Amino acid sequence: QVQLVESGGGLVQPGGSLRLSCAASGSIFSIYAMAWYRQTPGKQRELVAAITRGGTTNYADSVKGRFTISRDNAKNTVYLQMNSLKPEDTAVYYCNGVFRIDSDSYNNYWGQGTQVTVSS
């Protein structure tokens, strides 16, 4: 049983910052990758940032230079530092993880989402 729990969302003014965290728990053999997605009503869920087990990162063009994804392997936790927030960043942010749970398979897991609202 694997669970992802996001935290850190909230209301912030344009130009402000938030730090999201996602803690994974359960029987995890190894972590292949973790990522943050976001979704706004009326839009498809989009990839915001991802980090592989080797530390390679990838960002959506819309957040490059403003957001930073990082991880703490000892805590099985991934973070998303969001700076210079814009109203268009408003969305529900979801944590995603690809975990190896046995000797020969990987599984994809999602958190419940955390709301980020950027508004004055």
PDB file of N, CA and C in Angstrom:
ATOM      1  N   GLN A   1       0.840  -1.180   0.000  1.00  0.00           N
ATOM      2  CA  GLN A   1       0.000   0.000   0.000  1.00  0.00           C
ATOM      3  C   GLN A   1       0.884   1.242   0.000  1.00  0.00           C
ATOM      4  N   VAL A   2       0.725   2.071  -1.020  1.00  0.00           N
ATOM      5  CA  VAL A   2       1.495   3.291  -1.168  1.00  0.00           C
ATOM      6  C   VAL A   2       0.549   4.480  -1.136  1.00  0.00           C
ATOM      7  N   GLN A   3       0.958   5.512  -0.437  1.00  0.00           N
ATOM      8  CA  GLN A   3       0.147   6.715  -0.322  1.00  0.00           C
ATOM      9  C   GLN A   3       1.010   7.944  -0.557  1.00  0.00           C
ATOM     10  N   LEU A   4       0.470   8.906  -1.294  1.00  0.00           N
ATOM     11  CA  LEU A   4       1.107  10.194  -1.495  1.00  0.00           C
ATOM     12  C   LEU A   4       0.232  11.267  -0.875  1.00  0.00           C
ATOM     13  N   VAL A   5       0.822  12.117  -0.062  1.00  0.00           N
ATOM     14  CA  VAL A   5       0.079  13.165   0.609  1.00  0.00           C
ATOM     15  C   VAL A   5       0.736  14.503   0.320  1.00  0.00           C
ATOM     16  N   GLU A   6      -0.015  15.400  -0.330  1.00  0.00           N
ATOM     17  CA  GLU A   6       0.478  16.737  -0.634  1.00  0.00           C
ATOM     18  C   GLU A   6       0.098  17.715   0.476  1.00  0.00           C
ATOM     19  N   SER A   7       0.904  18.742   0.614  1.00  0.00           N
ATOM     20  CA  SER A   7       0.603  19.815   1.543  1.00  0.00           C
ATOM     21  C   SER A   7       1.293  21.083   1.069  1.00  0.00           C
ATOM     22  N   GLY A   8       0.891  22.204   1.624  1.00  0.00           N
ATOM     23  CA  GLY A   8       1.541  23.463   1.336  1.00  0.00           C
ATOM     24  C   GLY A   8       0.763  24.414   0.450  1.00  0.00           C
ATOM     25  N   GLY A   9      -0.356  23.974  -0.080  1.00  0.00           N
ATOM     26  CA  GLY A   9      -1.155  24.849  -0.916  1.00  0.00           C
ATOM     27  C   GLY A   9      -1.844  25.926  -0.101  1.00  0.00           C
ATOM     28  N   GLY A  10      -2.397  26.890  -0.803  1.00  0.00           N
ATOM     29  CA  GLY A  10      -3.094  27.969  -0.136  1.00  0.00           C
ATOM     30  C   GLY A  10      -3.299  29.150  -1.042  1.00  0.00           C
ATOM     31  N   LEU A  11      -3.661  30.260  -0.436  1.00  0.00           N
ATOM     32  CA  LEU A  11      -3.902  31.512  -1.143  1.00  0.00           C
ATOM     33  C   LEU A  11      -2.688  32.418  -1.005  1.00  0.00           C
ATOM     34  N   VAL A  12      -2.238  32.944  -2.124  1.00  0.00           N
ATOM     35  CA  VAL A  12      -1.074  33.822  -2.121  1.00  0.00           C
ATOM     36  C   VAL A  12      -1.292  34.934  -3.143  1.00  0.00           C
ATOM     37  N   GLN A  13      -0.715  36.085  -2.881  1.00  0.00           N
ATOM     38  CA  GLN A  13      -0.818  37.204  -3.806  1.00  0.00           C
ATOM     39  C   GLN A  13       0.134  37.034  -4.981  1.00  0.00           C
ATOM     40  N   PRO A  14      -0.191  37.636  -6.119  1.00  0.00           N
ATOM     41  CA  PRO A  14       0.741  37.593  -7.248  1.00  0.00           C
ATOM     42  C   PRO A  14       2.125  38.075  -6.839  1.00  0.00           C
ATOM     43  N   GLY A  15       3.135  37.357  -7.310  1.00  0.00           N
ATOM     44  CA  GLY A  15       4.504  37.663  -6.941  1.00  0.00           C
ATOM     45  C   GLY A  15       4.982  36.943  -5.699  1.00  0.00           C
ATOM     46  N   GLY A  16       4.082  36.304  -4.995  1.00  0.00           N
ATOM     47  CA  GLY A  16       4.430  35.594  -3.787  1.00  0.00           C
ATOM     48  C   GLY A  16       4.983  34.215  -4.059  1.00  0.00           C
ATOM     49  N   SER A  17       5.217  33.482  -2.976  1.00  0.00           N
ATOM     50  CA  SER A  17       5.825  32.159  -3.065  1.00  0.00           C
ATOM     51  C   SER A  17       5.072  31.150  -2.219  1.00  0.00           C
ATOM     52  N   LEU A  18       5.135  29.912  -2.646  1.00  0.00           N
ATOM     53  CA  LEU A  18       4.626  28.783  -1.891  1.00  0.00           C
ATOM     54  C   LEU A  18       5.565  27.611  -2.091  1.00  0.00           C
ATOM     55  N   ARG A  19       5.594  26.748  -1.115  1.00  0.00           N
ATOM     56  CA  ARG A  19       6.368  25.521  -1.219  1.00  0.00           C
ATOM     57  C   ARG A  19       5.453  24.340  -0.975  1.00  0.00           C
ATOM     58  N   LEU A  20       5.287  23.517  -1.981  1.00  0.00           N
ATOM     59  CA  LEU A  20       4.490  22.315  -1.866  1.00  0.00           C
ATOM     60  C   LEU A  20       5.373  21.137  -1.499  1.00  0.00           C
ATOM     61  N   SER A  21       4.821  20.227  -0.742  1.00  0.00           N
ATOM     62  CA  SER A  21       5.540  19.011  -0.416  1.00  0.00           C
ATOM     63  C   SER A  21       4.646  17.811  -0.669  1.00  0.00           C
ATOM     64  N   CYS A  22       5.271  16.697  -0.953  1.00  0.00           N
ATOM     65  CA  CYS A  22       4.564  15.449  -1.198  1.00  0.00           C
ATOM     66  C   CYS A  22       5.361  14.332  -0.556  1.00  0.00           C
ATOM     67  N   ALA A  23       4.776  13.712   0.428  1.00  0.00           N
ATOM     68  CA  ALA A  23       5.431  12.636   1.144  1.00  0.00           C
ATOM     69  C   ALA A  23       4.841  11.295   0.736  1.00  0.00           C
ATOM     70  N   ALA A  24       5.698  10.390   0.352  1.00  0.00           N
ATOM     71  CA  ALA A  24       5.285   9.050  -0.023  1.00  0.00           C
ATOM     72  C   ALA A  24       5.507   8.102   1.142  1.00  0.00           C
ATOM     73  N   SER A  25       4.551   7.243   1.364  1.00  0.00           N
ATOM     74  CA  SER A  25       4.672   6.263   2.429  1.00  0.00           C
ATOM     75  C   SER A  25       4.164   4.920   1.940  1.00  0.00           C
ATOM     76  N   GLY A  26       4.545   3.886   2.651  1.00  0.00           N
ATOM     77  CA  GLY A  26       4.133   2.545   2.289  1.00  0.00           C
ATOM     78  C   GLY A  26       5.314   1.692   1.881  1.00  0.00           C
ATOM     79  N   SER A  27       4.996   0.570   1.303  1.00  0.00           N
ATOM     80  CA  SER A  27       6.021  -0.381   0.894  1.00  0.00           C
ATOM     81  C   SER A  27       6.550  -0.005  -0.483  1.00  0.00           C
ATOM     82  N   ILE A  28       7.639   0.740  -0.492  1.00  0.00           N
ATOM     83  CA  ILE A  28       8.256   1.206  -1.732  1.00  0.00           C
ATOM     84  C   ILE A  28       9.643   0.601  -1.839  1.00  0.00           C
ATOM     85  N   PHE A  29       9.849  -0.146  -2.893  1.00  0.00           N
ATOM     86  CA  PHE A  29      11.152  -0.750  -3.111  1.00  0.00           C
ATOM     87  C   PHE A  29      12.157   0.295  -3.583  1.00  0.00           C
ATOM     88  N   SER A  30      11.736   1.099  -4.537  1.00  0.00           N
ATOM     89  CA  SER A  30      12.570   2.185  -5.019  1.00  0.00           C
ATOM     90  C   SER A  30      11.704   3.187  -5.761  1.00  0.00           C
ATOM     91  N   ILE A  31      12.214   4.397  -5.883  1.00  0.00           N
ATOM     92  CA  ILE A  31      11.516   5.466  -6.585  1.00  0.00           C
ATOM     93  C   ILE A  31      12.161   5.678  -7.942  1.00  0.00           C
ATOM     94  N   TYR A  32      11.356   5.571  -8.994  1.00  0.00           N
ATOM     95  CA  TYR A  32      11.862   5.810 -10.337  1.00  0.00           C
ATOM     96  C   TYR A  32      11.800   7.293 -10.683  1.00  0.00           C
ATOM     97  N   ALA A  33      10.664   7.913 -10.379  1.00  0.00           N
ATOM     98  CA  ALA A  33      10.498   9.325 -10.680  1.00  0.00           C
ATOM     99  C   ALA A  33       9.353   9.889  -9.851  1.00  0.00           C
ATOM    100  N   MET A  34       9.393  11.191  -9.644  1.00  0.00           N
ATOM    101  CA  MET A  34       8.284  11.890  -9.025  1.00  0.00           C
ATOM    102  C   MET A  34       8.044  13.181  -9.793  1.00  0.00           C
ATOM    103  N   ALA A  35       6.820  13.642  -9.756  1.00  0.00           N
ATOM    104  CA  ALA A  35       6.460  14.800 -10.558  1.00  0.00           C
ATOM    105  C   ALA A  35       5.308  15.556  -9.929  1.00  0.00           C
ATOM    106  N   TRP A  36       5.152  16.781 -10.382  1.00  0.00           N
ATOM    107  CA  TRP A  36       4.015  17.611 -10.039  1.00  0.00           C
ATOM    108  C   TRP A  36       3.224  17.921 -11.302  1.00  0.00           C
ATOM    109  N   TYR A  37       1.923  17.752 -11.211  1.00  0.00           N
ATOM    110  CA  TYR A  37       0.992  18.132 -12.255  1.00  0.00           C
ATOM    111  C   TYR A  37       0.030  19.165 -11.687  1.00  0.00           C
ATOM    112  N   ARG A  38      -0.656  19.853 -12.575  1.00  0.00           N
ATOM    113  CA  ARG A  38      -1.696  20.767 -12.120  1.00  0.00           C
ATOM    114  C   ARG A  38      -2.866  20.735 -13.088  1.00  0.00           C
ATOM    115  N   GLN A  39      -4.024  21.094 -12.555  1.00  0.00           N
ATOM    116  CA  GLN A  39      -5.230  21.082 -13.355  1.00  0.00           C
ATOM    117  C   GLN A  39      -6.154  22.208 -12.922  1.00  0.00           C
ATOM    118  N   THR A  40      -6.643  22.937 -13.899  1.00  0.00           N
ATOM    119  CA  THR A  40      -7.610  24.004 -13.706  1.00  0.00           C
ATOM    120  C   THR A  40      -8.926  23.567 -14.330  1.00  0.00           C
ATOM    121  N   PRO A  41     -10.060  23.911 -13.720  1.00  0.00           N
ATOM    122  CA  PRO A  41     -11.339  23.558 -14.336  1.00  0.00           C
ATOM    123  C   PRO A  41     -11.400  23.989 -15.794  1.00  0.00           C
ATOM    124  N   GLY A  42     -11.788  23.067 -16.653  1.00  0.00           N
ATOM    125  CA  GLY A  42     -11.871  23.345 -18.074  1.00  0.00           C
ATOM    126  C   GLY A  42     -10.605  23.066 -18.848  1.00  0.00           C
ATOM    127  N   LYS A  43      -9.536  22.691 -18.159  1.00  0.00           N
ATOM    128  CA  LYS A  43      -8.282  22.394 -18.821  1.00  0.00           C
ATOM    129  C   LYS A  43      -7.825  20.980 -18.504  1.00  0.00           C
ATOM    130  N   GLN A  44      -6.980  20.454 -19.377  1.00  0.00           N
ATOM    131  CA  GLN A  44      -6.389  19.150 -19.146  1.00  0.00           C
ATOM    132  C   GLN A  44      -5.302  19.250 -18.079  1.00  0.00           C
ATOM    133  N   ARG A  45      -5.106  18.164 -17.383  1.00  0.00           N
ATOM    134  CA  ARG A  45      -4.027  18.113 -16.414  1.00  0.00           C
ATOM    135  C   ARG A  45      -2.686  18.197 -17.155  1.00  0.00           C
ATOM    136  N   GLU A  46      -1.796  19.029 -16.663  1.00  0.00           N
ATOM    137  CA  GLU A  46      -0.526  19.235 -17.325  1.00  0.00           C
ATOM    138  C   GLU A  46       0.639  18.982 -16.387  1.00  0.00           C
ATOM    139  N   LEU A  47       1.722  18.523 -16.966  1.00  0.00           N
ATOM    140  CA  LEU A  47       2.949  18.324 -16.206  1.00  0.00           C
ATOM    141  C   LEU A  47       3.580  19.667 -15.896  1.00  0.00           C
ATOM    142  N   VAL A  48       3.925  19.867 -14.635  1.00  0.00           N
ATOM    143  CA  VAL A  48       4.589  21.084 -14.196  1.00  0.00           C
ATOM    144  C   VAL A  48       6.088  20.866 -14.068  1.00  0.00           C
ATOM    145  N   ALA A  49       6.472  19.826 -13.359  1.00  0.00           N
ATOM    146  CA  ALA A  49       7.880  19.535 -13.131  1.00  0.00           C
ATOM    147  C   ALA A  49       8.032  18.073 -12.769  1.00  0.00           C
ATOM    148  N   ALA A  50       9.178  17.515 -13.107  1.00  0.00           N
ATOM    149  CA  ALA A  50       9.456  16.124 -12.804  1.00  0.00           C
ATOM    150  C   ALA A  50      10.915  15.959 -12.438  1.00  0.00           C
ATOM    151  N   ILE A  51      11.186  14.939 -11.650  1.00  0.00           N
ATOM    152  CA  ILE A  51      12.559  14.620 -11.280  1.00  0.00           C
ATOM    153  C   ILE A  51      12.716  13.112 -11.262  1.00  0.00           C
ATOM    154  N   THR A  52      13.774  12.625 -11.883  1.00  0.00           N
ATOM    155  CA  THR A  52      14.029  11.195 -11.944  1.00  0.00           C
ATOM    156  C   THR A  52      14.889  10.753 -10.777  1.00  0.00           C
ATOM    157  N   ARG A  53      15.066   9.454 -10.675  1.00  0.00           N
ATOM    158  CA  ARG A  53      15.885   8.918  -9.595  1.00  0.00           C
ATOM    159  C   ARG A  53      17.325   9.391  -9.692  1.00  0.00           C
ATOM    160  N   GLY A  54      17.778   9.705 -10.892  1.00  0.00           N
ATOM    161  CA  GLY A  54      19.116  10.207 -11.091  1.00  0.00           C
ATOM    162  C   GLY A  54      19.266  11.698 -10.878  1.00  0.00           C
ATOM    163  N   GLY A  55      18.162  12.387 -10.632  1.00  0.00           N
ATOM    164  CA  GLY A  55      18.208  13.808 -10.375  1.00  0.00           C
ATOM    165  C   GLY A  55      17.933  14.687 -11.576  1.00  0.00           C
ATOM    166  N   THR A  56      17.670  14.093 -12.724  1.00  0.00           N
ATOM    167  CA  THR A  56      17.334  14.876 -13.903  1.00  0.00           C
ATOM    168  C   THR A  56      15.971  15.535 -13.720  1.00  0.00           C
ATOM    169  N   THR A  57      15.884  16.806 -14.039  1.00  0.00           N
ATOM    170  CA  THR A  57      14.641  17.545 -13.879  1.00  0.00           C
ATOM    171  C   THR A  57      14.106  18.012 -15.213  1.00  0.00           C
ATOM    172  N   ASN A  58      12.803  18.222 -15.243  1.00  0.00           N
ATOM    173  CA  ASN A  58      12.132  18.720 -16.427  1.00  0.00           C
ATOM    174  C   ASN A  58      11.019  19.649 -15.981  1.00  0.00           C
ATOM    175  N   TYR A  59      10.854  20.769 -16.685  1.00  0.00           N
ATOM    176  CA  TYR A  59       9.860  21.767 -16.324  1.00  0.00           C
ATOM    177  C   TYR A  59       9.027  22.170 -17.516  1.00  0.00           C
ATOM    178  N   ALA A  60       7.779  22.492 -17.240  1.00  0.00           N
ATOM    179  CA  ALA A  60       6.959  23.117 -18.255  1.00  0.00           C
ATOM    180  C   ALA A  60       7.529  24.492 -18.577  1.00  0.00           C
ATOM    181  N   ASP A  61       7.421  24.889 -19.832  1.00  0.00           N
ATOM    182  CA  ASP A  61       7.963  26.182 -20.236  1.00  0.00           C
ATOM    183  C   ASP A  61       7.378  27.333 -19.421  1.00  0.00           C
ATOM    184  N   SER A  62       6.133  27.201 -19.033  1.00  0.00           N
ATOM    185  CA  SER A  62       5.452  28.275 -18.331  1.00  0.00           C
ATOM    186  C   SER A  62       5.984  28.528 -16.923  1.00  0.00           C
ATOM    187  N   VAL A  63       6.732  27.577 -16.362  1.00  0.00           N
ATOM    188  CA  VAL A  63       7.220  27.730 -14.996  1.00  0.00           C
ATOM    189  C   VAL A  63       8.735  27.770 -14.901  1.00  0.00           C
ATOM    190  N   LYS A  64       9.420  27.607 -16.004  1.00  0.00           N
ATOM    191  CA  LYS A  64      10.879  27.631 -15.979  1.00  0.00           C
ATOM    192  C   LYS A  64      11.391  28.953 -15.425  1.00  0.00           C
ATOM    193  N   GLY A  65      12.356  28.849 -14.538  1.00  0.00           N
ATOM    194  CA  GLY A  65      12.916  30.027 -13.918  1.00  0.00           C
ATOM    195  C   GLY A  65      12.172  30.493 -12.693  1.00  0.00           C
ATOM    196  N   ARG A  66      10.992  29.951 -12.447  1.00  0.00           N
ATOM    197  CA  ARG A  66      10.185  30.339 -11.295  1.00  0.00           C
ATOM    198  C   ARG A  66       9.977  29.195 -10.308  1.00  0.00           C
ATOM    199  N   PHE A  67       9.828  27.990 -10.822  1.00  0.00           N
ATOM    200  CA  PHE A  67       9.574  26.823  -9.976  1.00  0.00           C
ATOM    201  C   PHE A  67      10.811  25.941  -9.924  1.00  0.00           C
ATOM    202  N   THR A  68      10.993  25.277  -8.800  1.00  0.00           N
ATOM    203  CA  THR A  68      12.091  24.341  -8.631  1.00  0.00           C
ATOM    204  C   THR A  68      11.585  23.074  -7.958  1.00  0.00           C
ATOM    205  N   ILE A  69      11.840  21.941  -8.582  1.00  0.00           N
ATOM    206  CA  ILE A  69      11.490  20.671  -7.976  1.00  0.00           C
ATOM    207  C   ILE A  69      12.731  20.084  -7.316  1.00  0.00           C
ATOM    208  N   SER A  70      12.547  19.499  -6.161  1.00  0.00           N
ATOM    209  CA  SER A  70      13.647  18.891  -5.437  1.00  0.00           C
ATOM    210  C   SER A  70      13.119  17.702  -4.652  1.00  0.00           C
ATOM    211  N   ARG A  71      14.024  16.948  -4.092  1.00  0.00           N
ATOM    212  CA  ARG A  71      13.613  15.756  -3.355  1.00  0.00           C
ATOM    213  C   ARG A  71      14.493  15.539  -2.144  1.00  0.00           C
ATOM    214  N   ASP A  72      13.955  14.794  -1.202  1.00  0.00           N
ATOM    215  CA  ASP A  72      14.690  14.320  -0.046  1.00  0.00           C
ATOM    216  C   ASP A  72      14.489  12.813  -0.036  1.00  0.00           C
ATOM    217  N   ASN A  73      15.458  12.091  -0.544  1.00  0.00           N
ATOM    218  CA  ASN A  73      15.316  10.653  -0.691  1.00  0.00           C
ATOM    219  C   ASN A  73      15.122   9.941   0.647  1.00  0.00           C
ATOM    220  N   ALA A  74      15.778  10.434   1.676  1.00  0.00           N
ATOM    221  CA  ALA A  74      15.662   9.805   2.982  1.00  0.00           C
ATOM    222  C   ALA A  74      14.245   9.877   3.519  1.00  0.00           C
ATOM    223  N   LYS A  75      13.520  10.907   3.127  1.00  0.00           N
ATOM    224  CA  LYS A  75      12.148  11.094   3.589  1.00  0.00           C
ATOM    225  C   LYS A  75      11.113  10.677   2.554  1.00  0.00           C
ATOM    226  N   ASN A  76      11.559  10.208   1.395  1.00  0.00           N
ATOM    227  CA  ASN A  76      10.647   9.877   0.297  1.00  0.00           C
ATOM    228  C   ASN A  76       9.701  11.040   0.006  1.00  0.00           C
ATOM    229  N   THR A  77      10.278  12.214  -0.064  1.00  0.00           N
ATOM    230  CA  THR A  77       9.491  13.430  -0.221  1.00  0.00           C
ATOM    231  C   THR A  77      10.002  14.244  -1.398  1.00  0.00           C
ATOM    232  N   VAL A  78       9.074  14.809  -2.142  1.00  0.00           N
ATOM    233  CA  VAL A  78       9.404  15.707  -3.232  1.00  0.00           C
ATOM    234  C   VAL A  78       8.786  17.065  -2.934  1.00  0.00           C
ATOM    235  N   TYR A  79       9.475  18.125  -3.344  1.00  0.00           N
ATOM    236  CA  TYR A  79       9.033  19.483  -3.080  1.00  0.00           C
ATOM    237  C   TYR A  79       8.884  20.251  -4.386  1.00  0.00           C
ATOM    238  N   LEU A  80       8.053  21.254  -4.343  1.00  0.00           N
ATOM    239  CA  LEU A  80       7.942  22.190  -5.450  1.00  0.00           C
ATOM    240  C   LEU A  80       7.973  23.595  -4.871  1.00  0.00           C
ATOM    241  N   GLN A  81       9.093  24.265  -5.056  1.00  0.00           N
ATOM    242  CA  GLN A  81       9.217  25.653  -4.639  1.00  0.00           C
ATOM    243  C   GLN A  81       8.706  26.538  -5.761  1.00  0.00           C
ATOM    244  N   MET A  82       7.696  27.326  -5.473  1.00  0.00           N
ATOM    245  CA  MET A  82       7.055  28.168  -6.468  1.00  0.00           C
ATOM    246  C   MET A  82       7.276  29.624  -6.100  1.00  0.00           C
ATOM    247  N   ASN A  83       8.000  30.334  -6.941  1.00  0.00           N
ATOM    248  CA  ASN A  83       8.280  31.738  -6.735  1.00  0.00           C
ATOM    249  C   ASN A  83       7.658  32.568  -7.847  1.00  0.00           C
ATOM    250  N   SER A  84       7.548  33.856  -7.599  1.00  0.00           N
ATOM    251  CA  SER A  84       6.991  34.785  -8.583  1.00  0.00           C
ATOM    252  C   SER A  84       5.673  34.273  -9.146  1.00  0.00           C
ATOM    253  N   LEU A  85       4.800  33.872  -8.264  1.00  0.00           N
ATOM    254  CA  LEU A  85       3.545  33.260  -8.681  1.00  0.00           C
ATOM    255  C   LEU A  85       2.657  34.238  -9.439  1.00  0.00           C
ATOM    256  N   LYS A  86       1.977  33.700 -10.422  1.00  0.00           N
ATOM    257  CA  LYS A  86       1.082  34.456 -11.277  1.00  0.00           C
ATOM    258  C   LYS A  86      -0.336  33.913 -11.146  1.00  0.00           C
ATOM    259  N   PRO A  87      -1.339  34.723 -11.445  1.00  0.00           N
ATOM    260  CA  PRO A  87      -2.710  34.223 -11.391  1.00  0.00           C
ATOM    261  C   PRO A  87      -2.927  32.964 -12.226  1.00  0.00           C
ATOM    262  N   GLU A  88      -2.236  32.858 -13.346  1.00  0.00           N
ATOM    263  CA  GLU A  88      -2.394  31.685 -14.195  1.00  0.00           C
ATOM    264  C   GLU A  88      -1.802  30.417 -13.595  1.00  0.00           C
ATOM    265  N   ASP A  89      -1.086  30.542 -12.482  1.00  0.00           N
ATOM    266  CA  ASP A  89      -0.608  29.371 -11.767  1.00  0.00           C
ATOM    267  C   ASP A  89      -1.691  28.753 -10.889  1.00  0.00           C
ATOM    268  N   THR A  90      -2.799  29.435 -10.744  1.00  0.00           N
ATOM    269  CA  THR A  90      -3.896  28.917  -9.934  1.00  0.00           C
ATOM    270  C   THR A  90      -4.381  27.584 -10.487  1.00  0.00           C
ATOM    271  N   ALA A  91      -4.398  26.575  -9.643  1.00  0.00           N
ATOM    272  CA  ALA A  91      -4.792  25.243 -10.062  1.00  0.00           C
ATOM    273  C   ALA A  91      -4.767  24.319  -8.855  1.00  0.00           C
ATOM    274  N   VAL A  92      -5.280  23.121  -9.060  1.00  0.00           N
ATOM    275  CA  VAL A  92      -5.052  22.051  -8.107  1.00  0.00           C
ATOM    276  C   VAL A  92      -3.774  21.342  -8.527  1.00  0.00           C
ATOM    277  N   TYR A  93      -2.846  21.238  -7.616  1.00  0.00           N
ATOM    278  CA  TYR A  93      -1.566  20.617  -7.893  1.00  0.00           C
ATOM    279  C   TYR A  93      -1.554  19.194  -7.347  1.00  0.00           C
ATOM    280  N   TYR A  94      -1.159  18.264  -8.201  1.00  0.00           N
ATOM    281  CA  TYR A  94      -1.150  16.854  -7.859  1.00  0.00           C
ATOM    282  C   TYR A  94       0.263  16.296  -7.883  1.00  0.00           C
ATOM    283  N   CYS A  95       0.570  15.518  -6.889  1.00  0.00           N
ATOM    284  CA  CYS A  95       1.831  14.802  -6.839  1.00  0.00           C
ATOM    285  C   CYS A  95       1.677  13.455  -7.524  1.00  0.00           C
ATOM    286  N   ASN A  96       2.671  13.078  -8.278  1.00  0.00           N
ATOM    287  CA  ASN A  96       2.679  11.792  -8.961  1.00  0.00           C
ATOM    288  C   ASN A  96       4.002  11.088  -8.706  1.00  0.00           C
ATOM    289  N   GLY A  97       3.924   9.794  -8.510  1.00  0.00           N
ATOM    290  CA  GLY A  97       5.133   9.024  -8.317  1.00  0.00           C
ATOM    291  C   GLY A  97       5.096   7.724  -9.083  1.00  0.00           C
ATOM    292  N   VAL A  98       6.226   7.348  -9.633  1.00  0.00           N
ATOM    293  CA  VAL A  98       6.397   6.045 -10.261  1.00  0.00           C
ATOM    294  C   VAL A  98       7.341   5.259  -9.363  1.00  0.00           C
ATOM    295  N   PHE A  99       6.798   4.240  -8.733  1.00  0.00           N
ATOM    296  CA  PHE A  99       7.528   3.511  -7.710  1.00  0.00           C
ATOM    297  C   PHE A  99       7.648   2.042  -8.076  1.00  0.00           C
ATOM    298  N   ARG A 100       8.766   1.462  -7.737  1.00  0.00           N
ATOM    299  CA  ARG A 100       8.936   0.034  -7.834  1.00  0.00           C
ATOM    300  C   ARG A 100       8.509  -0.572  -6.510  1.00  0.00           C
ATOM    301  N   ILE A 101       7.518  -1.450  -6.572  1.00  0.00           N
ATOM    302  CA  ILE A 101       6.984  -2.022  -5.347  1.00  0.00           C
ATOM    303  C   ILE A 101       7.312  -3.499  -5.177  1.00  0.00           C
ATOM    304  N   ASP A 102       7.877  -4.112  -6.203  1.00  0.00           N
ATOM    305  CA  ASP A 102       8.369  -5.474  -6.085  1.00  0.00           C
ATOM    306  C   ASP A 102       9.573  -5.626  -7.002  1.00  0.00           C
ATOM    307  N   SER A 103       9.962  -6.850  -7.246  1.00  0.00           N
ATOM    308  CA  SER A 103      11.218  -7.091  -7.944  1.00  0.00           C
ATOM    309  C   SER A 103      11.195  -6.747  -9.425  1.00  0.00           C
ATOM    310  N   ASP A 104      10.015  -6.735 -10.052  1.00  0.00           N
ATOM    311  CA  ASP A 104       9.990  -6.578 -11.500  1.00  0.00           C
ATOM    312  C   ASP A 104       8.857  -5.714 -12.039  1.00  0.00           C
ATOM    313  N   SER A 105       8.277  -4.869 -11.213  1.00  0.00           N
ATOM    314  CA  SER A 105       7.194  -4.036 -11.706  1.00  0.00           C
ATOM    315  C   SER A 105       7.243  -2.635 -11.114  1.00  0.00           C
ATOM    316  N   TYR A 106       6.670  -1.693 -11.863  1.00  0.00           N
ATOM    317  CA  TYR A 106       6.525  -0.317 -11.427  1.00  0.00           C
ATOM    318  C   TYR A 106       5.045   0.046 -11.429  1.00  0.00           C
ATOM    319  N   ASN A 107       4.681   0.938 -10.538  1.00  0.00           N
ATOM    320  CA  ASN A 107       3.309   1.402 -10.463  1.00  0.00           C
ATOM    321  C   ASN A 107       3.269   2.914 -10.332  1.00  0.00           C
ATOM    322  N   ASN A 108       2.201   3.474 -10.858  1.00  0.00           N
ATOM    323  CA  ASN A 108       1.998   4.904 -10.864  1.00  0.00           C
ATOM    324  C   ASN A 108       0.983   5.288  -9.789  1.00  0.00           C
ATOM    325  N   TYR A 109       1.313   6.304  -8.988  1.00  0.00           N
ATOM    326  CA  TYR A 109       0.445   6.725  -7.899  1.00  0.00           C
ATOM    327  C   TYR A 109       0.210   8.224  -7.942  1.00  0.00           C
ATOM    328  N   TRP A 110      -0.957   8.615  -7.469  1.00  0.00           N
ATOM    329  CA  TRP A 110      -1.343  10.024  -7.421  1.00  0.00           C
ATOM    330  C   TRP A 110      -1.734  10.434  -6.012  1.00  0.00           C
ATOM    331  N   GLY A 111      -1.392  11.656  -5.664  1.00  0.00           N
ATOM    332  CA  GLY A 111      -1.889  12.241  -4.437  1.00  0.00           C
ATOM    333  C   GLY A 111      -3.278  12.799  -4.631  1.00  0.00           C
ATOM    334  N   GLN A 112      -3.840  13.328  -3.553  1.00  0.00           N
ATOM    335  CA  GLN A 112      -5.218  13.820  -3.599  1.00  0.00           C
ATOM    336  C   GLN A 112      -5.332  15.230  -4.166  1.00  0.00           C
ATOM    337  N   GLY A 113      -4.237  15.930  -4.267  1.00  0.00           N
ATOM    338  CA  GLY A 113      -4.225  17.281  -4.789  1.00  0.00           C
ATOM    339  C   GLY A 113      -4.266  18.329  -3.696  1.00  0.00           C
ATOM    340  N   THR A 114      -3.659  19.467  -3.974  1.00  0.00           N
ATOM    341  CA  THR A 114      -3.702  20.602  -3.066  1.00  0.00           C
ATOM    342  C   THR A 114      -3.956  21.868  -3.880  1.00  0.00           C
ATOM    343  N   GLN A 115      -4.849  22.698  -3.390  1.00  0.00           N
ATOM    344  CA  GLN A 115      -5.267  23.892  -4.124  1.00  0.00           C
ATOM    345  C   GLN A 115      -4.262  25.016  -3.943  1.00  0.00           C
ATOM    346  N   VAL A 116      -3.867  25.613  -5.055  1.00  0.00           N
ATOM    347  CA  VAL A 116      -3.048  26.820  -5.059  1.00  0.00           C
ATOM    348  C   VAL A 116      -3.843  27.911  -5.756  1.00  0.00           C
ATOM    349  N   THR A 117      -4.067  29.004  -5.052  1.00  0.00           N
ATOM    350  CA  THR A 117      -4.801  30.127  -5.610  1.00  0.00           C
ATOM    351  C   THR A 117      -3.940  31.375  -5.530  1.00  0.00           C
ATOM    352  N   VAL A 118      -3.714  31.994  -6.673  1.00  0.00           N
ATOM    353  CA  VAL A 118      -2.907  33.207  -6.759  1.00  0.00           C
ATOM    354  C   VAL A 118      -3.846  34.349  -7.133  1.00  0.00           C
ATOM    355  N   SER A 119      -4.089  35.216  -6.184  1.00  0.00           N
ATOM    356  CA  SER A 119      -5.062  36.282  -6.399  1.00  0.00           C
ATOM    357  C   SER A 119      -4.791  37.425  -5.436  1.00  0.00           C
ATOM    358  N   SER A 120      -5.081  38.626  -5.894  1.00  0.00           N
ATOM    359  CA  SER A 120      -4.974  39.798  -5.040  1.00  0.00           C
ATOM    360  C   SER A 120      -6.293  40.122  -4.367  1.00  0.00           C
TER     361      SER A 120
END
